[in-house]
C-alpha atoms as a PDB file:
ATOM      1  CA  MET A   1     162.156  70.864   7.088  1.00  0.00           C
ATOM      2  CA  VAL A   2     159.078  72.497   6.273  1.00  0.00           C
ATOM      3  CA  SER A   3     158.443  73.489   2.726  1.00  0.00           C
ATOM      4  CA  VAL A   4     157.512  77.119   1.798  1.00  0.00           C
ATOM      5  CA  ALA A   5     154.640  75.307  -0.375  1.00  0.00           C
ATOM      6  CA  SER A   6     153.218  74.013   2.848  1.00  0.00           C
ATOM      7  CA  LEU A   7     153.437  77.494   4.482  1.00  0.00           C
ATOM      8  CA  TRP A   8     151.841  78.851   1.461  1.00  0.00           C
ATOM      9  CA  GLU A   9     149.119  76.454   1.450  1.00  0.00           C
ATOM     10  CA  ILE A  10     148.542  76.968   5.106  1.00  0.00           C
ATOM     11  CA  ALA A  11     148.163  80.831   4.592  1.00  0.00           C
ATOM     12  CA  ILE A  12     145.767  80.470   1.656  1.00  0.00           C
ATOM     13  CA  LYS A  13     143.355  78.071   3.863  1.00  0.00           C
ATOM     14  CA  ALA A  14     143.727  80.520   6.907  1.00  0.00           C
ATOM     15  CA  ALA A  15     142.882  83.507   4.614  1.00  0.00           C
ATOM     16  CA  LYS A  16     139.729  81.498   3.585  1.00  0.00           C
ATOM     17  CA  GLY A  17     138.810  80.615   6.983  1.00  0.00           C
ATOM     18  CA  LYS A  18     139.255  76.931   6.566  1.00  0.00           C
ATOM     19  CA  LEU A  19     141.803  76.632   9.381  1.00  0.00           C
ATOM     20  CA  LYS A  20     143.515  78.538  12.038  1.00  0.00           C
ATOM     21  CA  ALA A  21     147.249  79.257  12.049  1.00  0.00           C
ATOM     22  CA  PRO A  22     149.311  81.424  14.346  1.00  0.00           C
ATOM     23  CA  GLY A  23     150.186  84.679  12.521  1.00  0.00           C
ATOM     24  CA  ASP A  24     153.751  84.202  13.252  1.00  0.00           C
ATOM     25  CA  LEU A  25     153.789  80.522  12.066  1.00  0.00           C
ATOM     26  CA  PRO A  26     157.150  80.742   9.901  1.00  0.00           C
ATOM     27  CA  ARG A  27     159.043  82.079  13.131  1.00  0.00           C
ATOM     28  CA  LEU A  28     157.471  79.615  15.363  1.00  0.00           C
ATOM     29  CA  LEU A  29     158.692  76.762  13.012  1.00  0.00           C
ATOM     30  CA  VAL A  30     162.164  78.195  12.785  1.00  0.00           C
ATOM     31  CA  GLU A  31     162.256  78.620  16.754  1.00  0.00           C
ATOM     32  CA  ALA A  32     161.133  74.840  17.221  1.00  0.00           C
ATOM     33  CA  GLY A  33     164.110  73.880  15.107  1.00  0.00           C
ATOM     34  CA  PHE A  34     162.460  73.332  11.574  1.00  0.00           C
ATOM     35  CA  GLN A  35     164.482  74.700   8.566  1.00  0.00           C
ATOM     36  CA  ILE A  36     162.164  76.233   5.858  1.00  0.00           C
ATOM     37  CA  LEU A  37     162.802  74.577   2.625  1.00  0.00           C
ATOM     38  CA  PRO A  38     162.424  77.136  -0.299  1.00  0.00           C
ATOM     39  CA  VAL A  39     161.031  76.312  -3.615  1.00  0.00           C
ATOM     40  CA  ALA A  40     163.811  76.103  -6.215  1.00  0.00           C
ATOM     41  CA  ALA A  41     163.854  75.712 -10.034  1.00  0.00           C
ATOM     42  CA  GLN A  42     164.877  72.163  -9.829  1.00  0.00           C
ATOM     43  CA  HIS A  43     161.965  71.334  -7.717  1.00  0.00           C
ATOM     44  CA  ALA A  44     159.528  72.948 -10.137  1.00  0.00           C
ATOM     45  CA  TRP A  45     161.196  71.047 -13.005  1.00  0.00           C
ATOM     46  CA  ALA A  46     161.238  67.703 -11.272  1.00  0.00           C
ATOM     47  CA  ILE A  47     157.305  67.770 -11.413  1.00  0.00           C
ATOM     48  CA  LYS A  48     157.503  66.677 -14.794  1.00  0.00           C
ATOM     49  CA  GLN A  49     158.739  63.347 -13.435  1.00  0.00           C
ATOM     50  CA  ALA A  50     155.803  62.895 -11.153  1.00  0.00           C
ATOM     51  CA  PRO A  51     153.681  59.781 -11.517  1.00  0.00           C
ATOM     52  CA  PRO A  52     150.467  60.238 -13.551  1.00  0.00           C
ATOM     53  CA  SER A  53     148.223  59.777 -10.371  1.00  0.00           C
ATOM     54  CA  LEU A  54     149.751  63.186  -9.219  1.00  0.00           C
ATOM     55  CA  LEU A  55     149.331  65.115 -12.308  1.00  0.00           C
ATOM     56  CA  THR A  56     145.735  65.771 -11.816  1.00  0.00           C
ATOM     57  CA  SER A  57     145.968  66.313  -8.029  1.00  0.00           C
ATOM     58  CA  ASP A  58     146.719  69.577  -5.956  1.00  0.00           C
ATOM     59  CA  PRO A  59     149.547  71.407  -7.267  1.00  0.00           C
ATOM     60  CA  PHE A  60     151.015  71.790  -3.741  1.00  0.00           C
ATOM     61  CA  ASP A  61     150.961  68.003  -3.486  1.00  0.00           C
ATOM     62  CA  ARG A  62     153.123  67.749  -6.797  1.00  0.00           C
ATOM     63  CA  LEU A  63     155.525  70.374  -5.531  1.00  0.00           C
ATOM     64  CA  LEU A  64     155.967  68.592  -2.207  1.00  0.00           C
ATOM     65  CA  TRP A  65     156.433  65.304  -4.076  1.00  0.00           C
ATOM     66  CA  ALA A  66     159.134  66.945  -6.164  1.00  0.00           C
ATOM     67  CA  GLN A  67     160.901  68.592  -3.292  1.00  0.00           C
ATOM     68  CA  ALA A  68     161.180  65.471  -1.408  1.00  0.00           C
ATOM     69  CA  LYS A  69     162.496  63.583  -4.533  1.00  0.00           C
ATOM     70  CA  VAL A  70     165.128  66.222  -5.326  1.00  0.00           C
ATOM     71  CA  GLU A  71     166.387  66.565  -1.859  1.00  0.00           C
ATOM     72  CA  GLY A  72     166.142  63.070  -0.905  1.00  0.00           C
ATOM     73  CA  LEU A  73     163.642  63.618   1.949  1.00  0.00           C
ATOM     74  CA  THR A  74     160.961  61.553   3.519  1.00  0.00           C
ATOM     75  CA  LEU A  75     157.579  63.190   3.144  1.00  0.00           C
ATOM     76  CA  ALA A  76     155.053  63.103   6.244  1.00  0.00           C
ATOM     77  CA  THR A  77     151.559  62.976   4.912  1.00  0.00           C
ATOM     78  CA  ARG A  78     148.125  61.570   4.913  1.00  0.00           C
ATOM     79  CA  ASP A  79     147.357  62.143   1.408  1.00  0.00           C
ATOM     80  CA  ARG A  80     146.512  58.996  -0.428  1.00  0.00           C
ATOM     81  CA  ALA A  81     147.830  60.163  -3.719  1.00  0.00           C
ATOM     82  CA  LEU A  82     151.228  61.091  -2.290  1.00  0.00           C
ATOM     83  CA  LEU A  83     151.142  57.602  -0.172  1.00  0.00           C
ATOM     84  CA  ARG A  84     151.054  55.792  -3.529  1.00  0.00           C
ATOM     85  CA  SER A  85     153.397  58.141  -5.394  1.00  0.00           C
ATOM     86  CA  GLY A  86     156.777  56.343  -4.878  1.00  0.00           C
ATOM     87  CA  VAL A  87     158.268  59.005  -2.847  1.00  0.00           C
ATOM     88  CA  ASP A  88     159.598  57.927   0.509  1.00  0.00           C
ATOM     89  CA  VAL A  89     156.714  58.680   2.843  1.00  0.00           C
ATOM     90  CA  LEU A  90     156.131  58.791   6.482  1.00  0.00           C
ATOM     91  CA  LYS A  91     152.190  58.095   7.112  1.00  0.00           C
ATOM     92  CA  ALA A  92     151.213  61.051   9.289  1.00  0.00           C
END
């Protein structure tokens, strides 16, 4: 699964010129077999349960943490705050 939050963050960074991404990235991900995970109300609400270390971090990180918790998913990341957050993490 790929979170809409990840696509959102990639789009922002691509627009700022901080990274290059294919113009049709969402389609490419679906064609590669990924399911796009939308942001739901329960994901946003679960952020209130995030560990204190995440409450001052990137809002995208907090949302990814909440989605992983709510959906019972393992999060692939290199982010140190997320690695220490208590969510199931696969170090990328």
